[in-house]
Amino acid sequence: MGYPSRLLTEGETVEFEMRPHWRSMVVPSMAVLVTVAAASYLIAIVPDGSLAKWLRWAILAVALVALVAWFLRPLLAWLTTQYVFTSRRIITRTGIVARHGKDMPLSKVNDVSFAYTVLERLLRCGTLTVSSASEDGSLVVRNVPRVEEIQREIYRLTERDAQRRRHSAADGTGQ
């Protein structure tokens, strides 16, 4: 799912984009296994009788609700979360139906830092914090794949944007 080019400014290009690290889906995937196993076991042990059919349907309904809450909702959230890095800004978009977004111009970036736990280091992901010169403060992005590489890329993009702005100021083009 590429970022729509109609949402970019003139001369702006997408450098790279990503979604949260796959580790975000580990717990929801385990929930699927546990829910299916538990529902299957409970349906199998229901004794035959006049209420057996209704009890089995009730167990199935509870399992489906659990699957929607514990797996489908996190999956859709993961699929609809985007981290986009362009030649001029950092863009985050989240949300399934109601969308939330934050843009940070590269010209306002003061500092880029990352942090990860031992497990996150093994999985090559972490939390990225981009500090801004604006009043909005920092942009904190969790579960970023290859967080150290992304930090270096943001510094590279920031430098390239600063050079572009210097050249356009010298040329008088203002772009």
Protein backbone atom coordinates (compact mmCIF):
# COMPACT_ATOMS: atom_id res chain seq x y z
CA MET A 1 0.00 0.00 0.00
CA GLY A 2 1.91 3.03 -1.27
CA TYR A 3 1.40 6.52 0.02
CA PRO A 4 -0.84 8.46 -2.41
CA SER A 5 1.21 10.85 -4.54
CA ARG A 6 -1.71 13.33 -4.56
CA LEU A 7 -0.97 13.99 -0.86
CA LEU A 8 2.60 15.10 -1.57
CA THR A 9 3.64 18.68 -2.18
CA GLU A 10 5.22 19.81 -5.44
CA GLY A 11 8.72 18.37 -5.77
CA GLU A 12 8.29 16.06 -2.76
CA THR A 13 9.09 12.37 -3.19
CA VAL A 14 8.59 9.34 -0.97
CA GLU A 15 12.00 8.08 0.13
CA PHE A 16 10.72 5.02 1.99
CA GLU A 17 7.69 3.86 3.91
CA MET A 18 6.90 1.10 6.36
CA ARG A 19 4.42 -0.18 8.88
CA PRO A 20 5.07 -1.29 12.46
CA HIS A 21 7.34 -4.28 13.03
CA TRP A 22 5.76 -7.72 12.69
CA ARG A 23 6.26 -8.32 16.41
CA SER A 24 3.09 -6.24 16.90
CA MET A 25 1.16 -9.26 15.63
CA VAL A 26 2.77 -11.97 17.79
CA VAL A 27 0.35 -11.71 20.74
CA PRO A 28 -2.75 -11.44 18.51
CA SER A 29 -1.58 -14.52 16.57
CA MET A 30 -1.18 -16.44 19.82
CA ALA A 31 -4.70 -15.34 20.77
CA VAL A 32 -6.01 -17.00 17.59
CA LEU A 33 -4.37 -20.29 18.51
CA VAL A 34 -5.62 -20.21 22.11
CA THR A 35 -9.15 -19.15 21.11
CA VAL A 36 -9.52 -21.80 18.40
CA ALA A 37 -8.09 -24.51 20.68
CA ALA A 38 -10.30 -23.53 23.63
CA ALA A 39 -13.45 -23.25 21.51
CA SER A 40 -12.76 -26.58 19.80
CA TYR A 41 -12.20 -28.29 23.14
CA LEU A 42 -15.33 -26.80 24.71
CA ILE A 43 -17.49 -27.70 21.71
CA ALA A 44 -16.12 -31.26 21.78
CA ILE A 45 -16.88 -31.81 25.48
CA VAL A 46 -20.43 -30.48 25.39
CA PRO A 47 -22.61 -33.50 26.29
CA ASP A 48 -25.38 -34.43 23.90
CA GLY A 49 -28.77 -33.26 25.00
CA SER A 50 -31.54 -30.84 24.26
CA LEU A 51 -29.37 -27.73 24.90
CA ALA A 52 -26.20 -29.05 23.24
CA LYS A 53 -26.87 -27.40 19.90
CA TRP A 54 -27.48 -23.97 21.50
CA LEU A 55 -24.49 -24.30 23.80
CA ARG A 56 -22.21 -25.11 20.87
CA TRP A 57 -23.52 -22.07 18.97
CA ALA A 58 -22.95 -19.89 22.05
CA ILE A 59 -19.36 -21.12 22.36
CA LEU A 60 -18.80 -20.44 18.67
CA ALA A 61 -20.27 -16.92 18.99
CA VAL A 62 -18.05 -16.09 21.98
CA ALA A 63 -15.01 -17.42 20.08
CA LEU A 64 -15.83 -15.25 17.06
CA VAL A 65 -16.22 -12.15 19.22
CA ALA A 66 -12.88 -12.95 20.89
CA LEU A 67 -11.19 -13.41 17.48
CA VAL A 68 -12.49 -10.07 16.26
CA ALA A 69 -11.37 -8.28 19.43
CA TRP A 70 -8.01 -10.02 19.91
CA PHE A 71 -6.90 -10.63 16.33
CA LEU A 72 -8.90 -8.87 13.63
CA ARG A 73 -8.85 -5.42 15.26
CA PRO A 74 -5.04 -5.49 15.89
CA LEU A 75 -4.47 -6.85 12.38
CA LEU A 76 -6.46 -4.02 10.80
CA ALA A 77 -4.67 -1.48 13.01
CA TRP A 78 -1.31 -2.90 11.91
CA LEU A 79 -2.32 -2.91 8.25
CA THR A 80 -3.59 0.68 8.35
CA THR A 81 -0.61 2.18 10.19
CA GLN A 82 1.92 3.87 7.92
CA TYR A 83 5.24 5.54 8.58
CA VAL A 84 6.24 7.53 5.49
CA PHE A 85 9.53 9.37 5.06
CA THR A 86 9.60 11.84 2.19
CA SER A 87 12.21 14.25 0.89
CA ARG A 88 10.60 17.00 3.01
CA ARG A 89 8.76 15.48 5.99
CA ILE A 90 8.01 12.53 8.23
CA ILE A 91 4.41 11.35 8.09
CA THR A 92 2.58 8.97 10.45
CA ARG A 93 -0.94 7.73 9.80
CA THR A 94 -2.91 5.41 12.11
CA GLY A 95 -6.47 4.28 12.52
CA ILE A 96 -8.93 1.87 10.99
CA VAL A 97 -11.99 4.06 10.43
CA ALA A 98 -11.12 7.29 12.23
CA ARG A 99 -7.65 8.27 11.05
CA HIS A 100 -4.99 10.13 13.00
CA GLY A 101 -1.90 11.60 11.49
CA LYS A 102 1.10 13.69 12.30
CA ASP A 103 3.53 15.34 9.90
CA MET A 104 6.89 16.75 10.87
CA PRO A 105 8.85 18.85 8.38
CA LEU A 106 12.48 17.75 8.09
CA SER A 107 13.45 21.40 8.46
CA LYS A 108 12.15 21.31 12.06
CA VAL A 109 14.03 18.16 13.13
CA ASN A 110 16.47 18.89 15.96
CA ASP A 111 17.35 15.42 17.20
CA VAL A 112 16.63 11.81 16.32
CA SER A 113 17.10 9.12 18.94
CA PHE A 114 16.15 5.49 19.36
CA ALA A 115 15.73 3.04 22.19
CA TYR A 116 15.16 -0.67 22.36
CA THR A 117 15.03 -3.45 24.90
CA VAL A 118 17.14 -6.60 24.66
CA LEU A 119 14.27 -8.43 22.96
CA GLU A 120 13.70 -5.54 20.54
CA ARG A 121 17.40 -5.53 19.71
CA LEU A 122 17.23 -9.22 18.83
CA LEU A 123 14.18 -8.56 16.67
CA ARG A 124 15.78 -5.45 15.11
CA CYS A 125 13.07 -2.99 16.08
CA GLY A 126 12.59 -0.24 18.63
CA THR A 127 11.19 3.16 19.47
CA LEU A 128 12.18 6.19 17.42
CA THR A 129 11.93 9.68 18.92
CA VAL A 130 12.22 12.66 16.59
CA SER A 131 12.53 15.97 18.46
CA SER A 132 11.24 19.05 16.73
CA ALA A 133 11.87 22.77 16.96
CA SER A 134 8.12 23.34 16.79
CA GLU A 135 5.68 23.71 19.65
CA ASP A 136 4.30 20.22 19.04
CA GLY A 137 7.37 18.68 20.64
CA SER A 138 8.47 15.19 19.71
CA LEU A 139 7.22 12.50 17.39
CA VAL A 140 7.46 9.11 19.12
CA VAL A 141 7.06 6.07 16.86
CA ARG A 142 6.99 2.61 18.44
CA ASN A 143 7.79 -0.76 16.85
CA VAL A 144 9.94 0.71 14.10
CA PRO A 145 11.69 -1.98 12.06
CA ARG A 146 15.49 -1.51 11.73
CA VAL A 147 15.31 1.51 14.04
CA GLU A 148 19.06 2.32 13.92
CA GLU A 149 19.06 2.36 10.11
CA ILE A 150 15.96 4.57 10.11
CA GLN A 151 17.66 7.01 12.49
CA ARG A 152 20.62 7.33 10.09
CA GLU A 153 18.26 7.72 7.12
CA ILE A 154 16.43 10.57 8.83
CA TYR A 155 19.74 12.38 9.41
CA ARG A 156 20.60 11.84 5.73
CA LEU A 157 17.18 13.15 4.63
CA THR A 158 17.48 16.14 6.97
CA GLU A 159 20.86 17.07 5.52
CA ARG A 160 19.61 16.70 1.96
CA ASP A 161 16.56 18.86 2.75
CA ALA A 162 18.79 21.54 4.30
CA GLN A 163 20.96 21.56 1.17
CA ARG A 164 17.87 21.84 -1.03
CA ARG A 165 16.60 24.80 1.01
CA ARG A 166 20.01 26.51 0.91
CA HIS A 167 20.21 26.12 -2.86
CA SER A 168 16.65 27.34 -3.42
CA ALA A 169 17.30 30.35 -1.16
CA ALA A 170 20.46 31.15 -3.13
CA ASP A 171 18.61 30.73 -6.44
CA GLY A 172 15.67 32.77 -5.20
CA THR A 173 13.23 30.03 -6.22
CA GLY A 174 11.84 29.51 -2.72
CA GLN A 175 11.23 25.80 -3.21
